[in-house]
Each structure stands twice: as structure tokens, then as C-alpha cells.
Amino acid sequence: MTTKSSTARLLAVPASGITLTVTGEPRTVASLEELAAPFFTPLAGRSGQHTPPAGEHHWQLELVRGLVDGPAEAEPDGTAAHRTHFDKAARRITVRCAEARWLPVIGLRYARTLSRAVAIGAGAVPLHGAAVELAGTGIILTGEKMAGKTTAALSLVRSGGALVSNDDVLLVERPENWQMVGGPRSVGIRMESLGEHRPQLSAERLAEAAGTHPSNRPEKRFLAPGAVERLGGSVLTRAPAHVLVELVCEPGGPAGPGRSDAHPLEDKEAAAVLRAYLEEAADRRRFELLDFLGAPPPSLTVDVLDSVVGSLRFYRYTHPARGWVDDFLDFARDLAPALSTAPAGTVSAV
């Protein structure tokens, strides 16, 4: 409910086809809107802003600043104590937190989970990985933790590409192709990785771009997606998917240029990679919201698996822990001409 001390904003969430009315203190709502850009689109000035649509495609998100009484949700990354309440009849999610700087971040996490759950329910395939568009080529980067996905993605973005998603990506089927669809997830950058970023990225510039994101800590900084522009990159909400690269880090091997290896994957290997990096749920932490929504777990049917394997090119890129990013950028830049000239249904070596 909107009071004299609160405001309401109607946002469109294209990834899931829903609209979302966000209410709360003006500064809190504005902060959430900034963090969500460009993935949640303000509908300011359009007809119906103050009388949002009813029905299953519209949700309400209430952000309440105040004391948290009783048991509170806890997360391992230092997130402030908060409580949530779900109202199925009103299609409303209420988030209460005493710390003003955390409230928009926590609220956005629940809104993002809602959006992903709806999209997955409609057939989207969630993969653990980053997504970047480079010279018209859509590249998905998968890999285990510490494989270098964020370092590679941000280096591609700062070298002329555009970020679609950092840590997870939705694959959505369209008549002409599969598309990579992103969402408002912050980009977490480990300080110890800065020496690998290309172009060179200083701690001072990263700190300036990250600003006062509440998740910041000495060993890691966080960028809202829109803040990538402060580092010379750009952001897209979606792009056609052309290639998937599995990054594999071999820390015990010799470091330096020329130590990386890239090779194409056959269909059987490609299918195994997709299964390995399929997200198990629409969110890794907010299971109480998923239970409330009745969200089914993601799945890869045989038809979907065959379609993705037949539509994308797959590679495995093995690299040392240090000195590999320049070689990777050369590999990625070569993907665009290779993909544009390869006959459909074939795998080209790069």
C-alpha cells in the first residue's frame, strides 16, 4: 500500500513477461530501479501506471524499512537480517529490513527470483555461466567455480563486447534461434583476479565503479550490471546465442601465453556440458519463494537438448591460472568469422 511517505513504480520485466509494482520509500524504490536497469524497464508516463494491470502477469513488491522481529532470513554473504511475507491472493511479496542500504538489494533478489521462475516455467533453460555478445556473436561461458568466467566475460565486455549476464543466463527458444537472456544480477569481482583482467583494471577504478554496493568486502567488489558502463563496457538484455565455451582452469600447469588449449566438442560431449551446467533451481537460495510459487525444477527434455546442441557450437577452453586472458581474447575474436562461414550443423576448429 502506498502512503504519503512511500512511492510506487510500475516496472516491466521482459524476461518473464510480467509487470511489477514496487512500493516503498522513494529513495529505496529509486535505488532498486537503478540496480535493475536495464533489465526491468520503468513504465513511467504510460497509461495505467497508477492502476496496474490485474491478473497472473502482475505482481507487487513491497519494501518496508523497519525492525525485523522474530526469526529472520540469513544468507552467508553478510546480507542484513530481513523477513519476507508472501500473499498468494494479492500476488504480493513483502520484504522488511532495518538497514536502508540493503533493502533494495534484497528486494531485487526476490524480484529476480520471481522473474526467473516464471521464465523457466514457460520453457527457458537456466545455465550456470556468463553471456556476452561480441561482434555480433553470442558467447556463453560455463565452467566450475574459479574457472575464470567473470574474468573472461568482463575482459570481453571491456574489449568491445556487451554483457548479457554474469553468473547465470537463460536460454530462450525463438523460431529463428536460441537467445541468451540476462537479468539484474550483480557482477562479483575477486580482487586477487585483477591482474588477469584485460584491459588492465586497477583496484581504484573498480572501487569507483562499484561505489557503495552493500555486498562489497575487502576481497571482492560488486558491480550492478549498469555499472559495467563505468568500466568502458556496455549491457544488452538479450542476444542470439551462437557458441558455448566451457572454461577449465588447470592451476598446476605452467602459466603464461601459449599454454591454453581450445578444441571443439562433439554432440555427445556438448550434451554432457549442458547437463552439467543446468541450474538445479530458479534461485540458489530463495527456496521459500520457489515453494510459494510452486515453481518446477528446470529440465532438459530430449527435444530441447537436441535443439540446443544442433543450434550452437561448443568448445572446451583449458587454461592455466595465470597469463591466459590475452590468448582467450584472441580465440573469442576468431569465433565470429568462423561461425559466420561454417555450414549449419558442422563444428569448426578455431
Protein backbone atom coordinates (compact mmCIF):
# COMPACT_ATOMS: atom_id res chain seq x y z
CA MET A 1 0.00 0.00 0.00
CA THR A 2 1.29 3.46 -0.92
CA THR A 3 1.37 6.07 1.86
CA LYS A 4 2.44 9.71 1.99
CA SER A 5 5.99 8.60 2.79
CA SER A 6 6.17 5.99 0.02
CA THR A 7 6.06 5.84 -3.74
CA ALA A 8 5.08 3.25 -6.32
CA ARG A 9 6.76 2.41 -9.62
CA LEU A 10 5.47 0.10 -12.33
CA LEU A 11 8.23 -1.92 -14.00
CA ALA A 12 8.09 -4.26 -16.98
CA VAL A 13 10.15 -7.45 -16.73
CA PRO A 14 10.56 -8.62 -20.34
CA ALA A 15 12.49 -11.79 -19.47
CA SER A 16 9.36 -13.28 -17.91
CA GLY A 17 6.59 -11.18 -19.47
CA ILE A 18 5.34 -9.83 -16.14
CA THR A 19 4.89 -6.37 -14.68
CA LEU A 20 5.89 -5.45 -11.16
CA THR A 21 4.67 -2.64 -8.93
CA VAL A 22 7.40 -1.72 -6.46
CA THR A 23 6.36 0.32 -3.40
CA GLY A 24 8.46 1.77 -0.61
CA GLU A 25 10.31 4.90 0.42
CA PRO A 26 11.18 6.98 -2.67
CA ARG A 27 14.94 6.56 -2.23
CA THR A 28 14.62 2.79 -1.78
CA VAL A 29 12.44 2.36 -4.86
CA ALA A 30 14.76 4.57 -6.94
CA SER A 31 17.76 2.53 -5.82
CA LEU A 32 16.10 -0.75 -6.78
CA GLU A 33 15.17 0.70 -10.15
CA GLU A 34 18.79 1.74 -10.73
CA LEU A 35 20.13 -1.67 -9.72
CA ALA A 36 17.65 -3.43 -12.00
CA ALA A 37 18.40 -1.35 -15.10
CA PRO A 38 18.27 -2.13 -17.95
CA PHE A 39 16.57 -5.49 -17.30
CA PHE A 40 13.49 -4.10 -15.53
CA THR A 41 12.01 -1.30 -17.63
CA PRO A 42 10.17 1.63 -15.98
CA LEU A 43 6.71 2.26 -17.38
CA ALA A 44 6.61 5.89 -16.22
CA GLY A 45 4.20 8.03 -18.14
CA ARG A 46 2.39 5.13 -19.79
CA SER A 47 -1.31 4.58 -19.42
CA GLY A 48 -2.17 2.52 -16.38
CA GLN A 49 0.88 3.36 -14.31
CA HIS A 50 -1.21 4.20 -11.24
CA THR A 51 -3.76 1.45 -11.89
CA PRO A 52 -1.52 -1.50 -12.78
CA PRO A 53 -2.96 -4.47 -14.63
CA ALA A 54 -4.56 -7.25 -12.67
CA GLY A 55 -4.15 -10.97 -13.19
CA GLU A 56 -1.40 -13.54 -13.17
CA HIS A 57 1.08 -11.40 -15.10
CA HIS A 58 1.22 -8.63 -12.49
CA TRP A 59 2.95 -8.77 -9.11
CA GLN A 60 3.54 -6.40 -6.23
CA LEU A 61 6.80 -5.97 -4.33
CA GLU A 62 6.61 -4.04 -1.06
CA LEU A 63 9.86 -2.81 0.50
CA VAL A 64 9.42 -1.94 4.17
CA ARG A 65 12.19 -0.37 6.24
CA GLY A 66 11.83 -1.26 9.88
CA LEU A 67 12.83 -3.55 12.70
CA VAL A 68 12.79 -7.26 12.00
CA ASP A 69 11.00 -9.11 14.78
CA GLY A 70 11.23 -12.85 15.27
CA PRO A 71 13.13 -15.31 13.04
CA ALA A 72 14.83 -13.67 10.07
CA GLU A 73 16.27 -14.99 6.82
CA ALA A 74 20.05 -15.36 6.89
CA GLU A 75 22.47 -15.60 3.98
CA PRO A 76 26.19 -16.43 4.18
CA ASP A 77 27.45 -13.35 2.32
CA GLY A 78 26.82 -10.77 5.04
CA THR A 79 23.33 -9.83 3.87
CA ALA A 80 21.42 -7.91 6.52
CA ALA A 81 18.73 -9.69 8.53
CA HIS A 82 15.36 -9.46 6.81
CA ARG A 83 11.94 -11.06 6.72
CA THR A 84 9.65 -11.80 3.82
CA HIS A 85 5.94 -12.45 3.55
CA PHE A 86 4.14 -13.90 0.55
CA ASP A 87 0.47 -13.26 -0.20
CA LYS A 88 -0.77 -15.59 -2.91
CA ALA A 89 -4.19 -13.99 -3.27
CA ALA A 90 -2.75 -10.49 -3.75
CA ARG A 91 0.28 -11.76 -5.69
CA ARG A 92 2.41 -9.71 -3.33
CA ILE A 93 5.89 -10.15 -1.87
CA THR A 94 6.74 -8.03 1.18
CA VAL A 95 10.36 -7.61 2.25
CA ARG A 96 11.18 -5.99 5.59
CA CYS A 97 14.71 -4.93 6.56
CA ALA A 98 16.01 -2.40 9.08
CA GLU A 99 19.07 -1.44 7.01
CA ALA A 100 18.14 1.01 4.26
CA ARG A 101 21.19 0.27 2.11
CA TRP A 102 20.34 -3.44 1.95
CA LEU A 103 16.60 -3.18 1.35
CA PRO A 104 16.67 -2.50 -2.43
CA VAL A 105 19.32 -5.20 -2.98
CA ILE A 106 17.34 -7.83 -1.07
CA GLY A 107 14.08 -6.77 -2.69
CA LEU A 108 15.64 -7.05 -6.14
CA ARG A 109 16.86 -10.55 -5.37
CA TYR A 110 13.30 -11.68 -4.69
CA ALA A 111 12.02 -9.91 -7.80
CA ARG A 112 14.72 -11.56 -9.87
CA THR A 113 13.88 -14.99 -8.46
CA LEU A 114 10.23 -14.43 -9.31
CA SER A 115 11.11 -13.40 -12.86
CA ARG A 116 13.38 -16.39 -13.43
CA ALA A 117 10.86 -18.85 -12.01
CA VAL A 118 8.15 -17.55 -14.34
CA ALA A 119 10.51 -17.67 -17.34
CA ILE A 120 11.67 -21.21 -16.55
CA GLY A 121 8.05 -22.28 -16.15
CA ALA A 122 7.47 -21.01 -19.67
CA GLY A 123 10.33 -23.09 -21.07
CA ALA A 124 13.53 -21.07 -20.52
CA VAL A 125 16.68 -23.10 -19.82
CA PRO A 126 18.84 -21.71 -16.99
CA LEU A 127 22.59 -22.30 -17.28
CA HIS A 128 25.30 -21.52 -14.76
CA GLY A 129 27.53 -19.21 -16.74
CA ALA A 130 28.14 -15.78 -18.20
CA ALA A 131 26.86 -14.47 -21.53
CA VAL A 132 28.49 -11.88 -23.76
CA GLU A 133 27.82 -10.53 -27.23
CA LEU A 134 30.99 -9.80 -29.23
CA ALA A 135 30.96 -8.52 -32.81
CA GLY A 136 27.50 -9.98 -33.39
CA THR A 137 28.37 -13.37 -31.86
CA GLY A 138 26.60 -14.55 -28.71
CA ILE A 139 29.04 -16.38 -26.41
CA ILE A 140 28.07 -18.34 -23.29
CA LEU A 141 30.87 -19.10 -20.83
CA THR A 142 30.34 -22.03 -18.49
CA GLY A 143 32.70 -23.69 -16.03
CA GLU A 144 33.22 -24.69 -12.43
CA LYS A 145 33.79 -22.15 -9.67
CA MET A 146 37.10 -20.27 -10.15
CA ALA A 147 37.25 -21.31 -13.82
CA GLY A 148 37.58 -17.67 -14.88
CA LYS A 149 34.07 -16.98 -16.19
CA THR A 150 33.77 -13.46 -14.75
CA THR A 151 37.34 -12.51 -15.69
CA ALA A 152 36.83 -13.71 -19.26
CA ALA A 153 33.37 -12.16 -19.60
CA LEU A 154 34.34 -8.76 -18.23
CA SER A 155 37.51 -8.72 -20.35
CA LEU A 156 35.43 -9.43 -23.46
CA VAL A 157 32.96 -6.70 -22.50
CA ARG A 158 35.71 -4.14 -21.87
CA SER A 159 37.32 -5.11 -25.19
CA GLY A 160 34.31 -4.14 -27.27
CA GLY A 161 31.63 -6.63 -26.27
CA ALA A 162 28.38 -6.30 -24.34
CA LEU A 163 27.39 -8.07 -21.12
CA VAL A 164 24.13 -10.04 -21.17
CA SER A 165 24.58 -11.97 -17.93
CA ASN A 166 27.35 -12.56 -15.43
CA ASP A 167 26.76 -15.65 -13.31
CA ASP A 168 23.71 -17.23 -14.87
CA VAL A 169 21.91 -16.98 -18.18
CA LEU A 170 18.55 -18.06 -19.54
CA LEU A 171 18.36 -19.74 -22.94
CA VAL A 172 15.04 -18.96 -24.61
CA GLU A 173 13.95 -20.60 -27.85
CA ARG A 174 12.75 -18.40 -30.68
CA PRO A 175 11.65 -19.55 -34.18
CA GLU A 176 14.89 -18.31 -35.72
CA ASN A 177 17.40 -19.12 -32.95
CA TRP A 178 18.11 -19.60 -29.27
CA GLN A 179 18.55 -16.37 -27.36
CA MET A 180 20.64 -15.55 -24.30
CA VAL A 181 18.55 -13.58 -21.80
CA GLY A 182 20.11 -11.80 -18.84
CA GLY A 183 18.87 -10.36 -15.57
CA PRO A 184 19.85 -7.86 -12.88
CA ARG A 185 22.46 -9.94 -11.08
CA SER A 186 25.49 -8.08 -9.75
CA VAL A 187 28.96 -8.86 -11.07
CA GLY A 188 31.26 -10.05 -8.29
CA ILE A 189 34.96 -9.45 -8.97
CA ARG A 190 37.65 -11.01 -6.78
CA MET A 191 40.44 -8.56 -6.04
CA GLU A 192 43.07 -11.28 -6.50
CA SER A 193 41.93 -11.68 -10.12
CA LEU A 194 42.54 -8.06 -11.16
CA GLY A 195 45.96 -8.81 -12.63
CA GLU A 196 44.33 -11.10 -15.20
CA HIS A 197 41.74 -8.62 -16.47
CA ARG A 198 42.18 -7.07 -19.91
CA PRO A 199 42.45 -4.16 -20.42
CA GLN A 200 44.26 -3.68 -17.13
CA LEU A 201 41.86 -2.98 -14.28
CA SER A 202 43.09 -1.18 -11.19
CA ALA A 203 41.66 -1.61 -7.72
CA GLU A 204 40.95 2.14 -7.60
CA ARG A 205 38.91 2.13 -10.80
CA LEU A 206 36.99 -0.94 -9.74
CA ALA A 207 36.22 0.61 -6.34
CA GLU A 208 34.97 3.77 -8.02
CA ALA A 209 32.69 1.78 -10.36
CA ALA A 210 31.39 -0.46 -7.57
CA GLY A 211 30.54 2.53 -5.39
CA THR A 212 28.76 1.71 -2.14
CA HIS A 213 27.24 -1.62 -3.12
CA PRO A 214 26.45 -3.21 0.27
CA SER A 215 27.91 -6.57 -0.74
CA ASN A 216 31.40 -5.04 -1.16
CA ARG A 217 34.08 -6.52 1.06
CA PRO A 218 37.90 -6.28 1.07
CA GLU A 219 38.46 -9.36 -1.06
CA LYS A 220 35.60 -8.80 -3.52
CA ARG A 221 33.78 -5.90 -5.20
CA PHE A 222 30.31 -5.97 -6.75
CA LEU A 223 29.03 -4.11 -9.78
CA ALA A 224 25.38 -3.62 -10.63
CA PRO A 225 25.04 -4.56 -14.33
CA GLY A 226 24.62 -0.93 -15.37
CA ALA A 227 27.84 -0.02 -13.56
CA VAL A 228 29.78 -2.04 -16.16
CA GLU A 229 29.48 1.06 -18.35
CA ARG A 230 31.70 2.91 -15.87
CA LEU A 231 34.47 0.48 -16.83
CA GLY A 232 34.03 1.09 -20.55
CA GLY A 233 31.64 -1.77 -21.29
CA SER A 234 28.00 -1.98 -22.34
CA VAL A 235 24.97 -4.12 -21.47
CA LEU A 236 22.36 -5.94 -23.53
CA THR A 237 19.24 -7.55 -22.09
CA ARG A 238 19.29 -10.35 -24.68
CA ALA A 239 21.19 -11.51 -27.77
CA PRO A 240 21.20 -14.53 -30.12
CA ALA A 241 23.24 -17.46 -28.82
CA HIS A 242 25.86 -18.87 -31.18
CA VAL A 243 28.54 -20.62 -29.15
CA LEU A 244 29.10 -22.11 -25.70
CA VAL A 245 32.61 -22.33 -24.25
CA GLU A 246 33.39 -24.45 -21.21
CA LEU A 247 36.30 -22.90 -19.31
CA VAL A 248 38.58 -25.33 -17.48
CA CYS A 249 41.33 -23.98 -15.23
CA GLU A 250 44.37 -26.17 -14.61
CA PRO A 251 46.16 -24.32 -11.79
CA GLY A 252 49.02 -26.81 -11.53
CA GLY A 253 50.19 -26.34 -15.10
CA PRO A 254 52.75 -23.84 -16.43
CA ALA A 255 51.40 -20.29 -16.71
CA GLY A 256 51.75 -17.76 -19.48
CA PRO A 257 50.86 -17.17 -23.14
CA GLY A 258 50.57 -20.19 -25.38
CA ARG A 259 49.63 -22.52 -22.52
CA SER A 260 45.91 -22.58 -23.29
CA ASP A 261 44.14 -25.11 -25.45
CA ALA A 262 40.79 -24.84 -27.25
CA HIS A 263 39.03 -27.64 -29.06
CA PRO A 264 35.50 -28.20 -30.40
CA LEU A 265 33.15 -30.66 -28.72
CA GLU A 266 31.17 -33.35 -30.49
CA ASP A 267 27.43 -33.64 -29.88
CA LYS A 268 27.72 -36.19 -27.07
CA GLU A 269 30.24 -34.02 -25.20
CA ALA A 270 28.15 -30.91 -25.81
CA ALA A 271 25.06 -32.56 -24.34
CA ALA A 272 27.06 -33.59 -21.27
CA VAL A 273 28.23 -29.98 -20.78
CA LEU A 274 24.67 -28.69 -20.96
CA ARG A 275 23.51 -31.21 -18.37
CA ALA A 276 26.45 -30.41 -16.10
CA TYR A 277 25.76 -26.68 -16.02
CA LEU A 278 21.96 -26.71 -15.97
CA GLU A 279 20.87 -24.81 -12.85
CA GLU A 280 19.04 -27.02 -10.37
CA ALA A 281 16.52 -24.30 -9.45
CA ALA A 282 15.49 -20.80 -10.47
CA ASP A 283 17.48 -19.49 -7.49
CA ARG A 284 20.26 -20.96 -5.36
CA ARG A 285 19.00 -19.53 -2.05
CA ARG A 286 15.39 -18.29 -2.06
CA PHE A 287 13.76 -21.69 -1.90
CA GLU A 288 10.89 -20.45 0.27
CA LEU A 289 9.77 -18.20 -2.60
CA LEU A 290 10.08 -21.05 -5.09
CA ASP A 291 7.94 -23.22 -2.82
CA PHE A 292 5.37 -20.43 -2.58
CA LEU A 293 5.29 -20.13 -6.38
CA GLY A 294 5.13 -23.89 -6.86
CA ALA A 295 7.98 -23.49 -9.34
CA PRO A 296 9.06 -26.74 -11.00
CA PRO A 297 12.79 -27.52 -11.22
CA PRO A 298 14.47 -26.79 -14.57
CA SER A 299 14.72 -29.65 -17.00
CA LEU A 300 16.31 -30.53 -20.34
CA THR A 301 13.97 -32.61 -22.45
CA VAL A 302 15.43 -34.66 -25.28
CA ASP A 303 13.92 -32.28 -27.84
CA VAL A 304 15.33 -29.19 -26.12
CA LEU A 305 18.74 -30.80 -25.68
CA ASP A 306 18.87 -31.80 -29.34
CA SER A 307 17.76 -28.33 -30.41
CA VAL A 308 20.42 -26.51 -28.38
CA VAL A 309 23.19 -28.92 -29.39
CA GLY A 310 22.16 -28.59 -33.02
CA SER A 311 21.95 -24.80 -32.93
CA LEU A 312 25.12 -23.80 -31.03
CA ARG A 313 28.82 -24.55 -31.44
CA PHE A 314 30.56 -25.99 -28.36
CA TYR A 315 34.19 -25.67 -27.26
CA ARG A 316 36.29 -26.56 -24.26
CA TYR A 317 38.96 -23.99 -23.40
CA THR A 318 41.62 -25.24 -20.99
CA HIS A 319 43.90 -22.62 -19.46
CA PRO A 320 46.44 -22.04 -16.68
CA ALA A 321 45.69 -19.96 -13.62
CA ARG A 322 47.73 -17.01 -14.83
CA GLY A 323 48.57 -15.30 -18.09
CA TRP A 324 45.78 -16.79 -20.22
CA VAL A 325 43.31 -13.99 -20.91
CA ASP A 326 45.11 -12.43 -23.91
CA ASP A 327 45.07 -15.81 -25.65
CA PHE A 328 41.41 -16.26 -24.76
CA LEU A 329 40.50 -12.87 -26.24
CA ASP A 330 42.22 -13.84 -29.49
CA PHE A 331 40.28 -17.12 -29.50
CA ALA A 332 36.97 -15.33 -28.88
CA ARG A 333 37.62 -12.73 -31.59
CA ASP A 334 38.21 -15.55 -34.08
CA LEU A 335 34.84 -17.14 -33.26
CA ALA A 336 32.78 -14.56 -35.16
CA PRO A 337 34.23 -15.14 -38.65
CA ALA A 338 34.45 -18.89 -38.04
CA LEU A 339 30.78 -19.10 -37.08
CA SER A 340 29.60 -16.84 -39.88
CA THR A 341 31.24 -19.02 -42.55
CA ALA A 342 30.69 -22.52 -41.11
CA PRO A 343 27.83 -24.50 -42.72
CA ALA A 344 24.90 -25.22 -40.44
CA GLY A 345 25.27 -28.43 -38.44
CA THR A 346 29.08 -28.54 -38.57
CA VAL A 347 31.69 -27.88 -35.93
CA SER A 348 34.63 -25.68 -36.91
CA ALA A 349 38.02 -25.73 -35.24
CA VAL A 350 39.23 -22.28 -34.25
